[in-house]
N, C-alpha and C. Protein backbone atom coordinates (compact mmCIF):
# COMPACT_ATOMS: atom_id res chain seq x y z
N MET A 1 33.70 91.06 80.34
CA MET A 1 34.63 91.74 81.12
C MET A 1 34.17 93.21 81.70
N GLN A 2 34.85 93.70 83.00
CA GLN A 2 34.10 94.96 83.24
C GLN A 2 35.03 95.69 83.93
N THR A 3 34.58 97.15 83.66
CA THR A 3 35.46 97.80 83.95
C THR A 3 35.29 99.12 84.71
N PHE A 4 36.11 99.44 85.65
CA PHE A 4 35.18 100.95 86.60
C PHE A 4 36.22 101.99 86.54
N LEU A 5 36.07 102.79 87.03
CA LEU A 5 36.41 104.09 87.33
C LEU A 5 36.17 104.87 88.17
N TYR A 6 36.65 105.84 89.29
CA TYR A 6 35.69 107.05 90.05
C TYR A 6 35.92 107.97 89.24
N ILE A 7 34.54 108.39 89.06
CA ILE A 7 34.23 109.61 88.31
C ILE A 7 34.33 110.81 89.40
N TYR A 8 33.97 110.59 91.09
CA TYR A 8 34.71 111.55 91.61
C TYR A 8 34.46 110.96 92.86
N GLN A 9 35.33 111.13 93.47
CA GLN A 9 35.53 110.94 95.18
C GLN A 9 36.23 112.14 95.80
N TYR A 10 35.34 112.55 97.32
CA TYR A 10 36.01 114.18 97.67
C TYR A 10 35.39 114.37 98.68
N GLY A 11 35.95 115.14 99.88
CA GLY A 11 35.39 115.13 101.06
C GLY A 11 35.01 116.90 101.29
N GLU A 12 34.28 117.36 102.23
CA GLU A 12 33.99 118.84 101.85
C GLU A 12 33.07 119.01 102.99
N ASP A 13 33.75 119.73 104.03
CA ASP A 13 33.06 120.31 105.34
C ASP A 13 32.53 119.15 106.07
N GLY A 14 33.27 118.06 106.29
CA GLY A 14 33.04 116.99 107.15
C GLY A 14 32.20 115.75 106.53
N ASN A 15 31.92 116.12 105.27
CA ASN A 15 30.95 114.94 104.12
C ASN A 15 32.09 114.35 103.02
N SER A 16 31.36 113.08 102.44
CA SER A 16 32.24 112.78 101.69
C SER A 16 31.55 112.26 100.34
N TYR A 17 31.76 112.40 99.22
CA TYR A 17 30.71 111.79 98.08
C TYR A 17 31.85 111.31 97.14
N THR A 18 30.83 109.95 96.67
CA THR A 18 31.61 109.23 95.63
C THR A 18 30.48 108.81 94.53
N LEU A 19 31.15 108.81 93.02
CA LEU A 19 30.32 108.39 92.10
C LEU A 19 31.34 107.42 91.70
N LYS A 20 31.05 106.01 90.95
CA LYS A 20 32.16 105.02 90.54
C LYS A 20 31.08 104.63 89.37
N GLY A 21 32.04 104.49 88.46
CA GLY A 21 31.36 104.07 86.93
C GLY A 21 31.50 102.40 86.47
N SER A 22 31.04 102.03 86.05
CA SER A 22 31.39 100.76 85.71
C SER A 22 30.33 100.33 84.39
N LEU A 23 31.18 99.56 83.38
CA LEU A 23 30.88 99.21 82.32
C LEU A 23 31.05 97.48 82.42
N CYS A 24 29.65 96.85 82.15
CA CYS A 24 29.91 95.65 82.23
C CYS A 24 28.98 95.05 80.93
N GLU A 25 29.41 94.08 80.05
CA GLU A 25 28.68 93.69 78.78
C GLU A 25 27.56 94.67 78.14
N GLY A 26 28.94 95.85 78.13
CA GLY A 26 28.11 97.29 77.03
C GLY A 26 27.04 97.91 78.02
N CYS A 27 26.97 97.34 78.71
CA CYS A 27 26.15 98.51 79.87
C CYS A 27 26.71 99.09 81.09
N LEU A 28 26.23 100.74 81.43
CA LEU A 28 26.79 101.78 81.92
C LEU A 28 26.14 101.50 83.02
N ARG A 29 26.49 101.69 84.36
CA ARG A 29 26.05 102.29 85.93
C ARG A 29 26.81 103.04 86.25
N LEU A 30 26.43 103.71 86.89
CA LEU A 30 26.79 104.38 88.06
C LEU A 30 26.44 104.74 89.16
N ASP A 31 27.33 104.26 90.34
CA ASP A 31 26.84 104.05 91.59
C ASP A 31 27.55 105.16 92.79
N GLY A 32 26.57 105.89 93.48
CA GLY A 32 27.12 106.58 94.27
C GLY A 32 26.42 106.65 95.66
N TYR A 33 27.44 106.95 96.33
CA TYR A 33 27.19 107.08 97.87
C TYR A 33 27.64 108.16 98.56
N ASP A 34 27.21 108.79 99.21
CA ASP A 34 27.14 110.63 100.23
C ASP A 34 27.32 110.28 101.61
N SER A 35 27.84 110.54 102.12
CA SER A 35 27.65 110.66 104.01
C SER A 35 28.08 112.01 104.31
N ILE A 36 26.64 112.25 104.89
CA ILE A 36 26.46 113.67 105.22
C ILE A 36 25.92 113.86 106.31
N PRO A 37 26.76 113.60 107.43
CA PRO A 37 26.26 113.88 108.76
C PRO A 37 25.33 114.76 109.13
N GLY A 38 24.96 115.72 108.75
CA GLY A 38 24.72 117.12 108.93
C GLY A 38 22.94 117.27 108.11
N ILE A 39 22.52 115.50 107.96
CA ILE A 39 21.46 115.86 107.09
C ILE A 39 20.75 114.62 107.42
N SER A 40 21.31 114.48 108.63
CA SER A 40 20.50 112.88 109.22
C SER A 40 19.02 113.20 109.53
N HIS A 41 18.26 114.46 109.52
CA HIS A 41 17.07 114.77 109.92
C HIS A 41 16.08 114.50 109.04
N ALA A 42 17.07 114.24 107.26
CA ALA A 42 15.90 114.66 106.45
C ALA A 42 16.38 112.87 105.85
N TYR A 43 17.44 112.40 106.00
CA TYR A 43 17.64 111.11 105.58
C TYR A 43 18.18 109.80 106.76
N GLY A 44 17.53 110.01 107.57
CA GLY A 44 17.94 108.97 108.88
C GLY A 44 19.28 108.65 109.11
N ASP A 45 19.94 108.77 108.89
CA ASP A 45 21.31 108.26 109.13
C ASP A 45 22.70 109.24 108.37
N GLY A 46 22.15 110.29 107.57
CA GLY A 46 22.90 110.77 106.98
C GLY A 46 23.61 110.15 105.95
N GLU A 47 23.46 109.02 105.17
CA GLU A 47 24.19 108.08 104.45
C GLU A 47 22.82 107.81 103.29
N ALA A 48 23.41 108.06 102.14
CA ALA A 48 22.71 107.69 100.79
C ALA A 48 23.27 107.40 100.03
N ALA A 49 22.60 106.43 99.17
CA ALA A 49 23.21 105.89 97.89
C ALA A 49 22.35 106.10 96.66
N TYR A 50 22.61 105.75 95.29
CA TYR A 50 22.09 106.30 94.52
C TYR A 50 22.83 105.73 93.14
N PHE A 51 21.98 105.17 92.02
CA PHE A 51 22.58 104.68 90.94
C PHE A 51 21.90 105.24 89.67
N TYR A 52 22.72 105.17 88.65
CA TYR A 52 21.80 105.53 87.09
C TYR A 52 22.38 103.92 86.82
N ARG A 53 21.35 103.62 85.63
CA ARG A 53 21.39 102.41 85.03
C ARG A 53 21.26 102.60 83.41
N PHE A 54 21.96 102.37 82.72
CA PHE A 54 22.10 102.42 81.25
C PHE A 54 22.26 101.03 80.56
N ASP A 55 21.12 100.52 80.01
CA ASP A 55 21.12 99.37 79.18
C ASP A 55 22.00 99.59 78.03
N ALA A 56 22.48 98.53 77.03
CA ALA A 56 23.45 98.33 76.02
C ALA A 56 23.23 99.83 75.08
N GLU A 57 21.69 99.87 74.47
CA GLU A 57 21.61 100.92 73.54
C GLU A 57 21.55 101.96 73.82
N ASN A 58 21.33 102.11 75.08
CA ASN A 58 21.50 103.83 75.50
C ASN A 58 22.91 104.13 75.85
N THR A 59 23.54 103.08 76.41
CA THR A 59 24.91 103.14 76.57
C THR A 59 25.73 103.82 75.28
N GLN A 60 25.66 103.21 74.24
CA GLN A 60 25.85 103.28 72.91
C GLN A 60 25.27 104.51 72.22
N LYS A 61 24.38 105.17 72.53
CA LYS A 61 23.83 106.45 72.52
C LYS A 61 24.76 106.82 73.59
N LEU A 62 25.36 107.34 74.41
CA LEU A 62 25.86 108.25 75.48
C LEU A 62 27.14 108.08 74.66
N ILE A 63 27.60 107.19 74.27
CA ILE A 63 28.96 107.11 73.77
C ILE A 63 28.94 108.07 72.36
N GLU A 64 28.07 107.80 71.77
CA GLU A 64 28.02 108.89 70.52
C GLU A 64 27.66 110.42 70.60
N ALA A 65 26.57 110.59 71.92
CA ALA A 65 26.61 111.69 72.24
C ALA A 65 27.89 112.41 73.10
N PHE A 66 29.04 111.77 73.51
CA PHE A 66 30.24 112.18 74.08
C PHE A 66 31.21 112.18 72.78
N HIS A 67 31.21 111.76 71.53
CA HIS A 67 31.80 111.32 70.48
C HIS A 67 33.46 111.00 71.61
N THR A 68 33.19 109.84 72.02
CA THR A 68 34.42 109.18 72.62
C THR A 68 34.66 107.76 72.44
N ASP A 69 35.55 106.86 72.35
CA ASP A 69 35.97 105.60 72.61
C ASP A 69 36.09 105.29 74.26
N ASP A 70 36.08 106.40 75.37
CA ASP A 70 36.67 106.13 76.29
C ASP A 70 35.39 106.95 76.96
N LEU A 71 34.35 106.05 77.55
CA LEU A 71 32.98 106.52 78.13
C LEU A 71 32.63 107.08 79.37
N LEU A 72 33.97 106.34 80.81
CA LEU A 72 33.72 106.28 81.65
C LEU A 72 34.45 107.85 81.61
N GLU A 73 35.51 107.92 81.20
CA GLU A 73 36.82 109.14 81.53
C GLU A 73 35.83 109.95 80.92
N SER A 74 34.94 110.10 79.84
CA SER A 74 34.67 111.32 79.24
C SER A 74 33.38 111.75 80.10
N ILE A 75 32.38 110.68 80.95
CA ILE A 75 31.70 111.13 82.06
C ILE A 75 32.56 111.63 82.80
N ARG A 76 34.08 111.11 83.64
CA ARG A 76 34.90 111.89 84.98
C ARG A 76 34.83 113.58 84.24
N THR A 77 35.26 113.19 83.25
CA THR A 77 35.51 114.69 82.62
C THR A 77 34.58 115.64 82.44
N PHE A 78 33.28 115.35 82.37
CA PHE A 78 31.80 116.05 82.57
C PHE A 78 31.29 116.47 83.79
N TYR A 79 31.70 115.82 84.82
CA TYR A 79 31.26 115.84 86.40
C TYR A 79 32.47 116.91 86.54
N GLY A 80 33.83 116.81 86.43
CA GLY A 80 34.77 117.68 86.57
C GLY A 80 34.89 117.63 88.28
N GLY A 81 34.93 116.28 88.98
CA GLY A 81 35.61 116.17 90.02
C GLY A 81 34.54 116.39 91.14
N LYS A 82 33.19 116.77 90.74
CA LYS A 82 32.07 117.26 92.07
C LYS A 82 30.78 116.68 91.60
N LYS A 83 29.76 116.90 92.12
CA LYS A 83 28.53 115.96 91.86
C LYS A 83 28.21 117.35 90.61
N ALA A 84 27.40 116.74 89.77
CA ALA A 84 26.96 117.21 88.74
C ALA A 84 25.66 116.70 87.82
N HIS A 85 24.85 115.97 88.58
CA HIS A 85 24.04 115.19 88.18
C HIS A 85 22.88 115.59 87.44
N GLU A 86 22.62 116.79 87.85
CA GLU A 86 21.26 117.79 87.16
C GLU A 86 21.91 117.48 85.79
N ALA A 87 23.18 118.23 85.77
CA ALA A 87 23.86 118.27 84.28
C ALA A 87 23.58 117.37 83.58
N PHE A 88 24.03 116.33 84.60
CA PHE A 88 24.37 115.14 83.52
C PHE A 88 22.88 114.25 82.94
N GLU A 89 21.94 114.67 83.74
CA GLU A 89 20.71 113.89 83.50
C GLU A 89 19.95 114.75 82.40
N ALA A 90 20.62 116.33 82.20
CA ALA A 90 19.99 116.96 81.27
C ALA A 90 20.77 116.64 80.14
N PHE A 91 21.84 116.59 80.23
CA PHE A 91 22.70 116.14 78.80
C PHE A 91 22.42 114.63 78.14
N CYS A 92 21.85 114.09 79.07
CA CYS A 92 21.07 112.48 78.78
C CYS A 92 20.03 112.94 77.86
N ARG A 93 19.09 113.58 78.76
CA ARG A 93 17.82 113.89 77.87
C ARG A 93 17.67 114.66 76.32
N ALA A 94 18.76 115.48 76.53
CA ALA A 94 19.18 116.48 75.36
C ALA A 94 19.57 115.58 74.22
N ASN A 95 20.05 114.37 74.70
CA ASN A 95 20.63 113.67 73.48
C ASN A 95 19.67 112.21 73.47
N GLY A 96 18.59 112.42 74.02
CA GLY A 96 17.85 111.13 73.57
C GLY A 96 18.06 109.72 74.51
N VAL A 97 18.93 110.17 75.46
CA VAL A 97 19.48 108.44 76.04
C VAL A 97 18.63 108.85 77.63
N ALA A 98 17.94 107.45 77.51
CA ALA A 98 17.27 106.72 78.30
C ALA A 98 18.20 106.12 79.33
N PHE A 99 17.52 106.49 81.07
CA PHE A 99 18.02 105.94 81.88
C PHE A 99 17.27 105.49 83.46
N GLU A 100 17.68 104.53 83.69
CA GLU A 100 16.96 103.78 85.00
C GLU A 100 17.62 104.49 86.39
N SER A 101 17.39 105.33 87.05
CA SER A 101 17.67 105.94 88.51
C SER A 101 17.00 105.72 89.70
N GLU A 102 17.74 105.78 90.62
CA GLU A 102 17.07 105.74 92.32
C GLU A 102 17.70 106.30 93.05
N ASP A 103 17.25 106.69 94.38
CA ASP A 103 17.80 106.88 95.42
C ASP A 103 17.80 105.90 96.17
N ILE A 104 18.82 105.77 97.49
CA ILE A 104 18.19 104.32 98.11
C ILE A 104 18.92 105.40 99.32
N ASN A 105 17.86 105.06 100.50
CA ASN A 105 18.28 105.87 101.89
C ASN A 105 19.21 104.23 102.42
N LEU A 106 20.40 104.56 102.68
CA LEU A 106 21.26 103.49 103.55
C LEU A 106 21.06 103.86 104.78
N ARG A 107 20.13 102.81 105.46
CA ARG A 107 20.17 102.82 107.00
C ARG A 107 20.70 101.80 107.84
N LEU A 108 22.18 101.87 108.45
CA LEU A 108 22.96 101.32 108.47
C LEU A 108 22.63 100.18 109.54
N GLY A 109 21.79 100.94 110.36
CA GLY A 109 21.47 100.18 111.80
C GLY A 109 20.64 99.02 111.94
N GLY A 110 20.86 98.13 110.81
CA GLY A 110 20.01 96.53 110.72
C GLY A 110 19.10 96.22 109.63
N HIS A 111 19.69 97.58 108.81
CA HIS A 111 18.54 97.19 107.81
C HIS A 111 19.34 96.63 106.27
N TYR A 112 18.67 96.00 105.78
CA TYR A 112 19.12 95.51 104.68
C TYR A 112 18.88 95.79 103.30
N ILE A 113 19.69 96.10 102.24
CA ILE A 113 19.30 96.69 101.09
C ILE A 113 19.86 96.08 100.18
N PRO A 114 19.05 95.23 99.29
CA PRO A 114 19.69 94.10 98.44
C PRO A 114 20.41 94.96 97.18
């Protein structure tokens, strides 16, 4: 069974930011997507995607660190409706929670990202 929740979804100054959390078979995944037209010089087209992946063991560690039965809601509360990746990563590290992360530059003009 998979559950998901929008951790945040907002727009600001013509930019949009979204982070969705999902739990599937005891593993957490956070998927983000930003559309920032003003940074196209740095990221190609101003659109970027990124993710955090946690295996089952580290998902459980995160549940324990948050002292929660509802991990996705706890993460949403932690983020407070806005981007807080550095604070979240620091929280994970301080609690011995390992994760995999990656930024993916989405180039929509004919490029495929698997």
